[in-house]
Amino acid sequence: MKIAISIGDLNGVGIEIALKAHEEIKTWCKPTYMISQTMLEQAADLLKLPIPDDFHTSEVGTTFTITPSQATKESGRYSYDSFLKAIELARTNQANAITTLPINKEAWNKAGIIYKGHTDALADIFQKEAIMMIGCQKLFVALFTHHIPLKDVAPQISLKALETFMIDLYHEIKEEKIGVLGLNPHAGDGGVLGDEEEIITQAIKNVNRHLLEDIFIGPLVPDTAFTPHMREHIHYFVCMYHDQGLIPAKTLYFDEGINVSLNLLIIRTSVDHGTAYDKAYKNQKLSQQSYLNAIKEAIRLAQKKLNYKI
């Protein structure tokens, strides 16, 4: 399995994590890192880390001077170019999936990049609405809405939009049971606390009928959906808004969490943490778990995709 790894912001912790985790991930897949040899040598020298002989790279962008812990237009541009290179490899079947290390939104802005992050860029590049799914194998949450104000969530909940979202999600992950949360406290309490659950209920019925199987379950009461008992039976949940899903996912599995972009022409997974400028190039102990999980999920999804094609 070939994984193209977007190196992220070189002023942050991504390159250190990639170098330190290489010996483990190379036993699972064939990684290629989207970074020029010149920039790799500069980063490794600053980190005082050896470069493994089999650390295969793909040339990217213009060289610049790494400034640890700073958001600069140069680091922003390089991380964006690294990201585009990984996409290119996946689109041309030179990689089965891509995994992205963290970028810095301020650095992207300084570089004049119009996107807020990877997900926005992917949606525009592929002209498809990307589904954001966050968590780990113990708990994944798929966000029906994500980076919008809370006051705008309820108007987004329409029957057609929900049906499309759930059908697309199912075809991407092929899970047997997927929970769907209600929007309101107590899932509306029969309309006493809101009537959006009527739309959610009808969407679940219509989608299950379309799939000829009871895949989606709900609307679930949000404050009890993530109890240990529920998570014994359901590992994937559709959440109506950003914090409804991310609060439980990050509370329970903060160090293990990853970000997955679904409903695109390529497979993309990512660490679910930032550039950690406060720890960059300081030889502090860095958790590799999110990165390792992101690589594992990229491999798992790529294998599943290949099996479905057979």
C-alpha atoms as a PDB file:
ATOM      1  CA  MET A   1       0.000   0.000   0.000  1.00  0.00           C
ATOM      2  CA  LYS A   2       1.418   3.383  -1.058  1.00  0.00           C
ATOM      3  CA  ILE A   3       0.697   6.411   1.135  1.00  0.00           C
ATOM      4  CA  ALA A   4       1.620   9.972   0.109  1.00  0.00           C
ATOM      5  CA  ILE A   5       2.366  12.075   3.189  1.00  0.00           C
ATOM      6  CA  SER A   6       1.870  15.827   3.076  1.00  0.00           C
ATOM      7  CA  ILE A   7       4.550  17.164   5.405  1.00  0.00           C
ATOM      8  CA  GLY A   8       2.582  20.063   6.916  1.00  0.00           C
ATOM      9  CA  ASP A   9       4.033  23.290   8.288  1.00  0.00           C
ATOM     10  CA  LEU A  10       7.791  22.862   8.562  1.00  0.00           C
ATOM     11  CA  ASN A  11       7.952  25.431  11.362  1.00  0.00           C
ATOM     12  CA  GLY A  12       5.851  23.050  13.486  1.00  0.00           C
ATOM     13  CA  VAL A  13       6.094  19.505  14.825  1.00  0.00           C
ATOM     14  CA  GLY A  14       5.011  17.546  11.739  1.00  0.00           C
ATOM     15  CA  ILE A  15       8.435  16.763  10.315  1.00  0.00           C
ATOM     16  CA  GLU A  16       9.734  15.603  13.703  1.00  0.00           C
ATOM     17  CA  ILE A  17       6.786  13.214  14.082  1.00  0.00           C
ATOM     18  CA  ALA A  18       7.291  11.917  10.540  1.00  0.00           C
ATOM     19  CA  LEU A  19      10.984  11.225  11.087  1.00  0.00           C
ATOM     20  CA  LYS A  20      10.497   9.522  14.447  1.00  0.00           C
ATOM     21  CA  ALA A  21       7.551   7.373  13.316  1.00  0.00           C
ATOM     22  CA  HIS A  22       9.061   6.267  10.009  1.00  0.00           C
ATOM     23  CA  GLU A  23      10.556   2.994  11.264  1.00  0.00           C
ATOM     24  CA  GLU A  24       7.134   1.840  12.419  1.00  0.00           C
ATOM     25  CA  ILE A  25       4.944   2.964   9.539  1.00  0.00           C
ATOM     26  CA  LYS A  26       7.280   1.584   6.869  1.00  0.00           C
ATOM     27  CA  THR A  27       6.366  -1.886   8.167  1.00  0.00           C
ATOM     28  CA  TRP A  28       2.708  -1.202   7.273  1.00  0.00           C
ATOM     29  CA  CYS A  29       2.998   0.607   3.943  1.00  0.00           C
ATOM     30  CA  LYS A  30       5.294   2.339   1.459  1.00  0.00           C
ATOM     31  CA  PRO A  31       5.329   5.997   2.549  1.00  0.00           C
ATOM     32  CA  THR A  32       6.485   8.827   0.303  1.00  0.00           C
ATOM     33  CA  TYR A  33       7.003  12.224   1.932  1.00  0.00           C
ATOM     34  CA  MET A  34       6.129  15.399   0.050  1.00  0.00           C
ATOM     35  CA  ILE A  35       9.282  17.349   0.864  1.00  0.00           C
ATOM     36  CA  SER A  36      12.449  18.233  -1.029  1.00  0.00           C
ATOM     37  CA  GLN A  37      15.717  16.694   0.062  1.00  0.00           C
ATOM     38  CA  THR A  38      17.096  20.157   0.823  1.00  0.00           C
ATOM     39  CA  MET A  39      14.255  21.033   3.199  1.00  0.00           C
ATOM     40  CA  LEU A  40      14.396  17.580   4.785  1.00  0.00           C
ATOM     41  CA  GLU A  41      18.099  17.951   5.512  1.00  0.00           C
ATOM     42  CA  GLN A  42      17.570  21.415   6.975  1.00  0.00           C
ATOM     43  CA  ALA A  43      14.813  20.184   9.304  1.00  0.00           C
ATOM     44  CA  ALA A  44      16.720  17.079  10.360  1.00  0.00           C
ATOM     45  CA  ASP A  45      19.802  19.180  11.110  1.00  0.00           C
ATOM     46  CA  LEU A  46      17.786  21.532  13.326  1.00  0.00           C
ATOM     47  CA  LEU A  47      16.242  18.541  15.096  1.00  0.00           C
ATOM     48  CA  LYS A  48      19.582  16.708  15.302  1.00  0.00           C
ATOM     49  CA  LEU A  49      17.862  13.609  13.934  1.00  0.00           C
ATOM     50  CA  PRO A  50      19.222  11.164  11.360  1.00  0.00           C
ATOM     51  CA  ILE A  51      17.424  10.758   8.049  1.00  0.00           C
ATOM     52  CA  PRO A  52      16.603   7.093   7.420  1.00  0.00           C
ATOM     53  CA  ASP A  53      18.070   5.689   4.210  1.00  0.00           C
ATOM     54  CA  ASP A  54      14.610   4.598   3.043  1.00  0.00           C
ATOM     55  CA  PHE A  55      12.890   7.936   3.796  1.00  0.00           C
ATOM     56  CA  HIS A  56      11.610   8.397   0.242  1.00  0.00           C
ATOM     57  CA  THR A  57      10.704  11.930  -0.798  1.00  0.00           C
ATOM     58  CA  SER A  58       9.007  13.715  -3.671  1.00  0.00           C
ATOM     59  CA  GLU A  59      10.348  17.138  -4.622  1.00  0.00           C
ATOM     60  CA  VAL A  60       8.113  20.036  -3.581  1.00  0.00           C
ATOM     61  CA  GLY A  61       8.166  23.798  -3.831  1.00  0.00           C
ATOM     62  CA  THR A  62      10.743  26.484  -3.204  1.00  0.00           C
ATOM     63  CA  THR A  63      13.279  26.173  -0.397  1.00  0.00           C
ATOM     64  CA  PHE A  64      13.182  28.599   2.517  1.00  0.00           C
ATOM     65  CA  THR A  65      14.744  29.024   5.932  1.00  0.00           C
ATOM     66  CA  ILE A  66      12.826  27.176   8.623  1.00  0.00           C
ATOM     67  CA  THR A  67      11.820  29.461  11.503  1.00  0.00           C
ATOM     68  CA  PRO A  68      10.756  27.181  14.352  1.00  0.00           C
ATOM     69  CA  SER A  69       7.495  28.064  16.083  1.00  0.00           C
ATOM     70  CA  GLN A  70       6.597  30.918  13.694  1.00  0.00           C
ATOM     71  CA  ALA A  71       3.671  31.251  11.283  1.00  0.00           C
ATOM     72  CA  THR A  72       5.295  32.536   8.098  1.00  0.00           C
ATOM     73  CA  LYS A  73       4.102  32.908   4.533  1.00  0.00           C
ATOM     74  CA  GLU A  74       6.981  30.696   3.392  1.00  0.00           C
ATOM     75  CA  SER A  75       6.010  27.806   5.665  1.00  0.00           C
ATOM     76  CA  GLY A  76       2.365  28.301   4.709  1.00  0.00           C
ATOM     77  CA  ARG A  77       3.103  28.156   0.988  1.00  0.00           C
ATOM     78  CA  TYR A  78       5.361  25.123   1.356  1.00  0.00           C
ATOM     79  CA  SER A  79       2.779  23.176   3.364  1.00  0.00           C
ATOM     80  CA  TYR A  80       0.150  23.974   0.730  1.00  0.00           C
ATOM     81  CA  ASP A  81       2.448  22.891  -2.111  1.00  0.00           C
ATOM     82  CA  SER A  82       3.216  19.676  -0.202  1.00  0.00           C
ATOM     83  CA  PHE A  83      -0.523  19.045   0.135  1.00  0.00           C
ATOM     84  CA  LEU A  84      -1.120  19.603  -3.587  1.00  0.00           C
ATOM     85  CA  LYS A  85       1.716  17.233  -4.441  1.00  0.00           C
ATOM     86  CA  ALA A  86       0.176  14.488  -2.305  1.00  0.00           C
ATOM     87  CA  ILE A  87      -3.171  15.005  -4.051  1.00  0.00           C
ATOM     88  CA  GLU A  88      -1.427  14.762  -7.423  1.00  0.00           C
ATOM     89  CA  LEU A  89       0.092  11.403  -6.516  1.00  0.00           C
ATOM     90  CA  ALA A  90      -3.278  10.065  -5.368  1.00  0.00           C
ATOM     91  CA  ARG A  91      -5.123  11.358  -8.453  1.00  0.00           C
ATOM     92  CA  THR A  92      -2.602   9.740 -10.788  1.00  0.00           C
ATOM     93  CA  ASN A  93      -2.685   6.420  -8.906  1.00  0.00           C
ATOM     94  CA  GLN A  94       0.884   6.779  -7.689  1.00  0.00           C
ATOM     95  CA  ALA A  95      -0.508   6.577  -4.138  1.00  0.00           C
ATOM     96  CA  ASN A  96      -3.494   4.717  -2.707  1.00  0.00           C
ATOM     97  CA  ALA A  97      -4.244   7.438  -0.162  1.00  0.00           C
ATOM     98  CA  ILE A  98      -2.835  10.587   1.395  1.00  0.00           C
ATOM     99  CA  THR A  99      -2.168  11.465   5.022  1.00  0.00           C
ATOM    100  CA  THR A 100      -1.674  15.087   6.021  1.00  0.00           C
ATOM    101  CA  LEU A 101       0.440  16.452   8.849  1.00  0.00           C
ATOM    102  CA  PRO A 102      -0.731  19.709  10.486  1.00  0.00           C
ATOM    103  CA  ILE A 103      -0.807  23.050   8.706  1.00  0.00           C
ATOM    104  CA  ASN A 104      -1.216  26.484  10.274  1.00  0.00           C
ATOM    105  CA  LYS A 105      -4.205  28.520   9.079  1.00  0.00           C
ATOM    106  CA  GLU A 106      -2.488  31.830   9.837  1.00  0.00           C
ATOM    107  CA  ALA A 107       0.506  30.803   7.733  1.00  0.00           C
ATOM    108  CA  TRP A 108      -1.795  29.837   4.843  1.00  0.00           C
ATOM    109  CA  ASN A 109      -3.453  33.232   5.110  1.00  0.00           C
ATOM    110  CA  LYS A 110      -0.086  35.001   5.076  1.00  0.00           C
ATOM    111  CA  ALA A 111       0.817  33.048   1.934  1.00  0.00           C
ATOM    112  CA  GLY A 112      -2.341  34.300   0.230  1.00  0.00           C
ATOM    113  CA  ILE A 113      -4.015  30.890   0.174  1.00  0.00           C
ATOM    114  CA  ILE A 114      -7.771  31.352   0.011  1.00  0.00           C
ATOM    115  CA  TYR A 115      -8.701  28.209   1.949  1.00  0.00           C
ATOM    116  CA  LYS A 116      -9.096  27.925   5.714  1.00  0.00           C
ATOM    117  CA  GLY A 117      -7.692  24.403   5.754  1.00  0.00           C
ATOM    118  CA  HIS A 118      -7.393  21.024   4.085  1.00  0.00           C
ATOM    119  CA  THR A 119     -11.121  20.214   4.043  1.00  0.00           C
ATOM    120  CA  ASP A 120     -12.145  23.458   2.339  1.00  0.00           C
ATOM    121  CA  ALA A 121      -9.393  23.026  -0.242  1.00  0.00           C
ATOM    122  CA  LEU A 122     -10.368  19.429  -0.983  1.00  0.00           C
ATOM    123  CA  ALA A 123     -14.026  20.337  -1.468  1.00  0.00           C
ATOM    124  CA  ASP A 124     -13.071  23.020  -3.978  1.00  0.00           C
ATOM    125  CA  ILE A 125     -10.431  20.977  -5.798  1.00  0.00           C
ATOM    126  CA  PHE A 126     -12.772  18.025  -6.299  1.00  0.00           C
ATOM    127  CA  GLN A 127     -15.960  20.104  -6.564  1.00  0.00           C
ATOM    128  CA  LYS A 128     -17.652  17.827  -4.041  1.00  0.00           C
ATOM    129  CA  GLU A 129     -18.877  18.414  -0.520  1.00  0.00           C
ATOM    130  CA  ALA A 130     -16.366  16.642   1.675  1.00  0.00           C
ATOM    131  CA  ILE A 131     -17.689  14.745   4.694  1.00  0.00           C
ATOM    132  CA  MET A 132     -15.638  15.462   7.815  1.00  0.00           C
ATOM    133  CA  MET A 133     -15.297  12.457  10.114  1.00  0.00           C
ATOM    134  CA  ILE A 134     -13.261  12.683  13.304  1.00  0.00           C
ATOM    135  CA  GLY A 135     -12.280  10.166  15.981  1.00  0.00           C
ATOM    136  CA  CYS A 136     -10.654   6.743  16.019  1.00  0.00           C
ATOM    137  CA  GLN A 137     -11.719   3.126  15.571  1.00  0.00           C
ATOM    138  CA  LYS A 138     -13.341   3.178  19.017  1.00  0.00           C
ATOM    139  CA  LEU A 139     -15.539   6.174  18.100  1.00  0.00           C
ATOM    140  CA  PHE A 140     -15.979   8.102  14.863  1.00  0.00           C
ATOM    141  CA  VAL A 141     -18.272  11.108  14.474  1.00  0.00           C
ATOM    142  CA  ALA A 142     -19.353  12.341  11.038  1.00  0.00           C
ATOM    143  CA  LEU A 143     -20.347  16.005  11.056  1.00  0.00           C
ATOM    144  CA  PHE A 144     -23.450  16.978   9.074  1.00  0.00           C
ATOM    145  CA  THR A 145     -22.437  20.625   9.546  1.00  0.00           C
ATOM    146  CA  HIS A 146     -19.062  21.731  10.847  1.00  0.00           C
ATOM    147  CA  HIS A 147     -17.511  25.200  10.572  1.00  0.00           C
ATOM    148  CA  ILE A 148     -20.644  27.328  10.690  1.00  0.00           C
ATOM    149  CA  PRO A 149     -22.221  29.403  13.495  1.00  0.00           C
ATOM    150  CA  LEU A 150     -24.509  27.453  15.809  1.00  0.00           C
ATOM    151  CA  LYS A 151     -27.474  29.690  14.893  1.00  0.00           C
ATOM    152  CA  ASP A 152     -27.176  28.494  11.285  1.00  0.00           C
ATOM    153  CA  VAL A 153     -27.342  24.768  12.055  1.00  0.00           C
ATOM    154  CA  ALA A 154     -31.109  24.279  12.318  1.00  0.00           C
ATOM    155  CA  PRO A 155     -31.861  25.917   8.931  1.00  0.00           C
ATOM    156  CA  GLN A 156     -29.380  23.501   7.307  1.00  0.00           C
ATOM    157  CA  ILE A 157     -31.344  20.442   8.415  1.00  0.00           C
ATOM    158  CA  SER A 158     -33.458  19.571   5.394  1.00  0.00           C
ATOM    159  CA  LEU A 159     -34.765  16.177   4.345  1.00  0.00           C
ATOM    160  CA  LYS A 160     -32.901  16.049   1.035  1.00  0.00           C
ATOM    161  CA  ALA A 161     -29.599  17.245   2.482  1.00  0.00           C
ATOM    162  CA  LEU A 162     -29.716  14.725   5.332  1.00  0.00           C
ATOM    163  CA  GLU A 163     -30.635  11.850   3.038  1.00  0.00           C
ATOM    164  CA  THR A 164     -27.795  12.674   0.655  1.00  0.00           C
ATOM    165  CA  PHE A 165     -25.327  12.983   3.535  1.00  0.00           C
ATOM    166  CA  MET A 166     -26.269   9.648   5.078  1.00  0.00           C
ATOM    167  CA  ILE A 167     -26.258   7.742   1.783  1.00  0.00           C
ATOM    168  CA  ASP A 168     -22.856   9.193   0.862  1.00  0.00           C
ATOM    169  CA  LEU A 169     -21.496   8.369   4.305  1.00  0.00           C
ATOM    170  CA  TYR A 170     -22.717   4.792   4.152  1.00  0.00           C
ATOM    171  CA  HIS A 171     -21.156   4.182   0.753  1.00  0.00           C
ATOM    172  CA  GLU A 172     -17.843   5.512   2.065  1.00  0.00           C
ATOM    173  CA  ILE A 173     -17.600   3.539   5.330  1.00  0.00           C
ATOM    174  CA  LYS A 174     -19.955   0.555   4.769  1.00  0.00           C
ATOM    175  CA  GLU A 175     -20.719   0.108   8.471  1.00  0.00           C
ATOM    176  CA  GLU A 176     -23.610  -2.047   9.643  1.00  0.00           C
ATOM    177  CA  LYS A 177     -24.870   0.347  12.342  1.00  0.00           C
ATOM    178  CA  ILE A 178     -24.616   4.136  12.355  1.00  0.00           C
ATOM    179  CA  GLY A 179     -26.230   6.260  15.056  1.00  0.00           C
ATOM    180  CA  VAL A 180     -27.853   9.590  14.186  1.00  0.00           C
ATOM    181  CA  LEU A 181     -28.130  12.240  16.884  1.00  0.00           C
ATOM    182  CA  GLY A 182     -31.049  14.560  17.314  1.00  0.00           C
ATOM    183  CA  LEU A 183     -30.442  18.290  17.264  1.00  0.00           C
ATOM    184  CA  ASN A 184     -32.305  19.347  20.376  1.00  0.00           C
ATOM    185  CA  PRO A 185     -32.060  18.374  24.065  1.00  0.00           C
ATOM    186  CA  HIS A 186     -33.827  15.054  24.664  1.00  0.00           C
ATOM    187  CA  ALA A 187     -34.027  14.726  20.852  1.00  0.00           C
ATOM    188  CA  GLY A 188     -36.850  17.242  20.908  1.00  0.00           C
ATOM    189  CA  ASP A 189     -38.994  15.487  23.543  1.00  0.00           C
ATOM    190  CA  GLY A 190     -41.712  14.754  20.986  1.00  0.00           C
ATOM    191  CA  GLY A 191     -41.697  18.294  19.636  1.00  0.00           C
ATOM    192  CA  VAL A 192     -41.749  20.066  22.999  1.00  0.00           C
ATOM    193  CA  LEU A 193     -38.134  21.228  22.615  1.00  0.00           C
ATOM    194  CA  GLY A 194     -38.029  21.539  18.830  1.00  0.00           C
ATOM    195  CA  ASP A 195     -39.306  19.797  15.732  1.00  0.00           C
ATOM    196  CA  GLU A 196     -36.120  19.209  13.698  1.00  0.00           C
ATOM    197  CA  GLU A 197     -36.191  15.598  14.863  1.00  0.00           C
ATOM    198  CA  GLU A 198     -39.244  15.030  12.634  1.00  0.00           C
ATOM    199  CA  ILE A 199     -37.031  15.718   9.613  1.00  0.00           C
ATOM    200  CA  ILE A 200     -34.229  13.551  11.011  1.00  0.00           C
ATOM    201  CA  THR A 201     -36.647  10.677  11.679  1.00  0.00           C
ATOM    202  CA  GLN A 202     -38.064  10.818   8.162  1.00  0.00           C
ATOM    203  CA  ALA A 203     -34.568  10.960   6.645  1.00  0.00           C
ATOM    204  CA  ILE A 204     -33.540   7.850   8.587  1.00  0.00           C
ATOM    205  CA  LYS A 205     -36.654   5.971   7.424  1.00  0.00           C
ATOM    206  CA  ASN A 206     -36.144   6.982   3.799  1.00  0.00           C
ATOM    207  CA  VAL A 207     -32.447   6.105   3.731  1.00  0.00           C
ATOM    208  CA  ASN A 208     -32.919   2.732   5.412  1.00  0.00           C
ATOM    209  CA  ARG A 209     -35.658   1.960   2.898  1.00  0.00           C
ATOM    210  CA  HIS A 210     -33.305   2.962   0.087  1.00  0.00           C
ATOM    211  CA  LEU A 211     -30.501   0.765   1.467  1.00  0.00           C
ATOM    212  CA  LEU A 212     -32.933  -2.136   2.108  1.00  0.00           C
ATOM    213  CA  GLU A 213     -31.503  -2.477   5.604  1.00  0.00           C
ATOM    214  CA  ASP A 214     -31.796  -0.704   8.961  1.00  0.00           C
ATOM    215  CA  ILE A 215     -28.346   0.864   8.959  1.00  0.00           C
ATOM    216  CA  PHE A 216     -29.132   4.227  10.560  1.00  0.00           C
ATOM    217  CA  ILE A 217     -30.533   4.378  14.091  1.00  0.00           C
ATOM    218  CA  GLY A 218     -32.112   7.388  15.770  1.00  0.00           C
ATOM    219  CA  PRO A 219     -32.676  10.193  16.374  1.00  0.00           C
ATOM    220  CA  LEU A 220     -30.612   9.487  19.483  1.00  0.00           C
ATOM    221  CA  VAL A 221     -30.731  11.690  22.559  1.00  0.00           C
ATOM    222  CA  PRO A 222     -27.439  13.619  22.367  1.00  0.00           C
ATOM    223  CA  ASP A 223     -26.570  13.521  26.067  1.00  0.00           C
ATOM    224  CA  THR A 224     -26.771   9.707  26.279  1.00  0.00           C
ATOM    225  CA  ALA A 225     -25.596   8.733  22.792  1.00  0.00           C
ATOM    226  CA  PHE A 226     -21.955   8.338  23.829  1.00  0.00           C
ATOM    227  CA  THR A 227     -22.354   6.345  27.029  1.00  0.00           C
ATOM    228  CA  PRO A 228     -20.208   3.201  27.367  1.00  0.00           C
ATOM    229  CA  HIS A 229     -23.277   1.019  26.780  1.00  0.00           C
ATOM    230  CA  MET A 230     -24.095   2.753  23.484  1.00  0.00           C
ATOM    231  CA  ARG A 231     -20.484   2.661  22.320  1.00  0.00           C
ATOM    232  CA  GLU A 232     -20.400  -1.101  22.830  1.00  0.00           C
ATOM    233  CA  HIS A 233     -22.879  -1.429  19.965  1.00  0.00           C
ATOM    234  CA  ILE A 234     -22.300   1.639  17.778  1.00  0.00           C
ATOM    235  CA  HIS A 235     -18.918   3.101  16.818  1.00  0.00           C
ATOM    236  CA  TYR A 236     -20.036   5.579  14.134  1.00  0.00           C
ATOM    237  CA  PHE A 237     -22.363   8.534  14.718  1.00  0.00           C
ATOM    238  CA  VAL A 238     -23.826  11.291  12.569  1.00  0.00           C
ATOM    239  CA  CYS A 239     -23.767  14.569  14.508  1.00  0.00           C
ATOM    240  CA  MET A 240     -25.742  17.641  13.551  1.00  0.00           C
ATOM    241  CA  TYR A 241     -23.046  20.184  14.396  1.00  0.00           C
ATOM    242  CA  HIS A 242     -19.355  20.538  15.161  1.00  0.00           C
ATOM    243  CA  ASP A 243     -19.187  20.490  18.960  1.00  0.00           C
ATOM    244  CA  GLN A 244     -21.928  17.876  19.319  1.00  0.00           C
ATOM    245  CA  GLY A 245     -19.478  15.373  17.875  1.00  0.00           C
ATOM    246  CA  LEU A 246     -16.079  16.784  18.746  1.00  0.00           C
ATOM    247  CA  ILE A 247     -16.643  17.284  22.470  1.00  0.00           C
ATOM    248  CA  PRO A 248     -17.187  13.551  23.171  1.00  0.00           C
ATOM    249  CA  ALA A 249     -14.622  12.402  20.573  1.00  0.00           C
ATOM    250  CA  LYS A 250     -11.853  14.618  21.925  1.00  0.00           C
ATOM    251  CA  THR A 251     -12.768  14.097  25.566  1.00  0.00           C
ATOM    252  CA  LEU A 252     -12.630  10.329  25.226  1.00  0.00           C
ATOM    253  CA  TYR A 253      -9.851   9.871  22.679  1.00  0.00           C
ATOM    254  CA  PHE A 254      -7.928  13.140  22.359  1.00  0.00           C
ATOM    255  CA  ASP A 255      -4.469  11.678  21.654  1.00  0.00           C
ATOM    256  CA  GLU A 256      -5.833   8.971  19.376  1.00  0.00           C
ATOM    257  CA  GLY A 257      -8.140  11.080  17.223  1.00  0.00           C
ATOM    258  CA  ILE A 258      -7.744  11.644  13.497  1.00  0.00           C
ATOM    259  CA  ASN A 259      -9.561  13.602  10.798  1.00  0.00           C
ATOM    260  CA  VAL A 260     -10.901  11.782   7.728  1.00  0.00           C
ATOM    261  CA  SER A 261     -12.202  13.456   4.565  1.00  0.00           C
ATOM    262  CA  LEU A 262     -14.816  11.304   2.840  1.00  0.00           C
ATOM    263  CA  ASN A 263     -16.942  11.587  -0.305  1.00  0.00           C
ATOM    264  CA  LEU A 264     -14.007  12.613  -2.513  1.00  0.00           C
ATOM    265  CA  LEU A 265     -12.186  10.938  -5.393  1.00  0.00           C
ATOM    266  CA  ILE A 266      -9.233  10.208  -3.125  1.00  0.00           C
ATOM    267  CA  ILE A 267      -8.760   8.915   0.422  1.00  0.00           C
ATOM    268  CA  ARG A 268      -7.414  11.484   2.868  1.00  0.00           C
ATOM    269  CA  THR A 269      -6.698  11.072   6.562  1.00  0.00           C
ATOM    270  CA  SER A 270      -4.998  13.531   8.887  1.00  0.00           C
ATOM    271  CA  VAL A 271      -3.748  14.004  12.384  1.00  0.00           C
ATOM    272  CA  ASP A 272      -6.299  15.789  14.534  1.00  0.00           C
ATOM    273  CA  HIS A 273      -3.887  18.190  16.192  1.00  0.00           C
ATOM    274  CA  GLY A 274      -2.176  21.399  15.224  1.00  0.00           C
ATOM    275  CA  THR A 275       1.373  22.474  14.514  1.00  0.00           C
ATOM    276  CA  ALA A 276       2.154  22.735  18.262  1.00  0.00           C
ATOM    277  CA  TYR A 277       4.548  25.635  17.729  1.00  0.00           C
ATOM    278  CA  ASP A 278       5.223  25.700  21.467  1.00  0.00           C
ATOM    279  CA  LYS A 279       6.859  22.254  21.165  1.00  0.00           C
ATOM    280  CA  ALA A 280       8.475  22.518  17.738  1.00  0.00           C
ATOM    281  CA  TYR A 281      12.225  21.802  17.505  1.00  0.00           C
ATOM    282  CA  LYS A 282      12.581  21.639  21.287  1.00  0.00           C
ATOM    283  CA  ASN A 283      13.266  17.907  21.591  1.00  0.00           C
ATOM    284  CA  GLN A 284      10.208  17.436  23.768  1.00  0.00           C
ATOM    285  CA  LYS A 285       8.323  14.171  23.908  1.00  0.00           C
ATOM    286  CA  LEU A 286       5.671  14.277  21.180  1.00  0.00           C
ATOM    287  CA  SER A 287       2.744  11.901  20.889  1.00  0.00           C
ATOM    288  CA  GLN A 288       2.778  10.028  17.586  1.00  0.00           C
ATOM    289  CA  GLN A 289      -0.517   8.242  18.193  1.00  0.00           C
ATOM    290  CA  SER A 290      -2.733  10.473  16.061  1.00  0.00           C
ATOM    291  CA  TYR A 291      -0.302  10.226  13.151  1.00  0.00           C
ATOM    292  CA  LEU A 292       0.009   6.454  13.470  1.00  0.00           C
ATOM    293  CA  ASN A 293      -3.777   6.107  13.596  1.00  0.00           C
ATOM    294  CA  ALA A 294      -4.140   8.357  10.546  1.00  0.00           C
ATOM    295  CA  ILE A 295      -1.769   6.138   8.567  1.00  0.00           C
ATOM    296  CA  LYS A 296      -3.579   2.987   9.732  1.00  0.00           C
ATOM    297  CA  GLU A 297      -6.963   4.402   8.719  1.00  0.00           C
ATOM    298  CA  ALA A 298      -5.640   5.473   5.303  1.00  0.00           C
ATOM    299  CA  ILE A 299      -4.437   1.913   4.742  1.00  0.00           C
ATOM    300  CA  ARG A 300      -7.702   0.406   6.019  1.00  0.00           C
ATOM    301  CA  LEU A 301      -9.877   2.607   3.797  1.00  0.00           C
ATOM    302  CA  ALA A 302      -7.645   2.011   0.779  1.00  0.00           C
ATOM    303  CA  GLN A 303      -7.811  -1.762   1.295  1.00  0.00           C
ATOM    304  CA  LYS A 304     -11.578  -1.581   1.683  1.00  0.00           C
ATOM    305  CA  LYS A 305     -11.862   0.466  -1.511  1.00  0.00           C
ATOM    306  CA  LEU A 306      -9.740  -2.022  -3.429  1.00  0.00           C
ATOM    307  CA  ASN A 307     -11.784  -4.956  -2.118  1.00  0.00           C
ATOM    308  CA  TYR A 308     -15.041  -3.305  -3.208  1.00  0.00           C
ATOM    309  CA  LYS A 309     -13.662  -2.915  -6.718  1.00  0.00           C
ATOM    310  CA  ILE A 310     -12.934  -6.638  -7.032  1.00  0.00           C
END
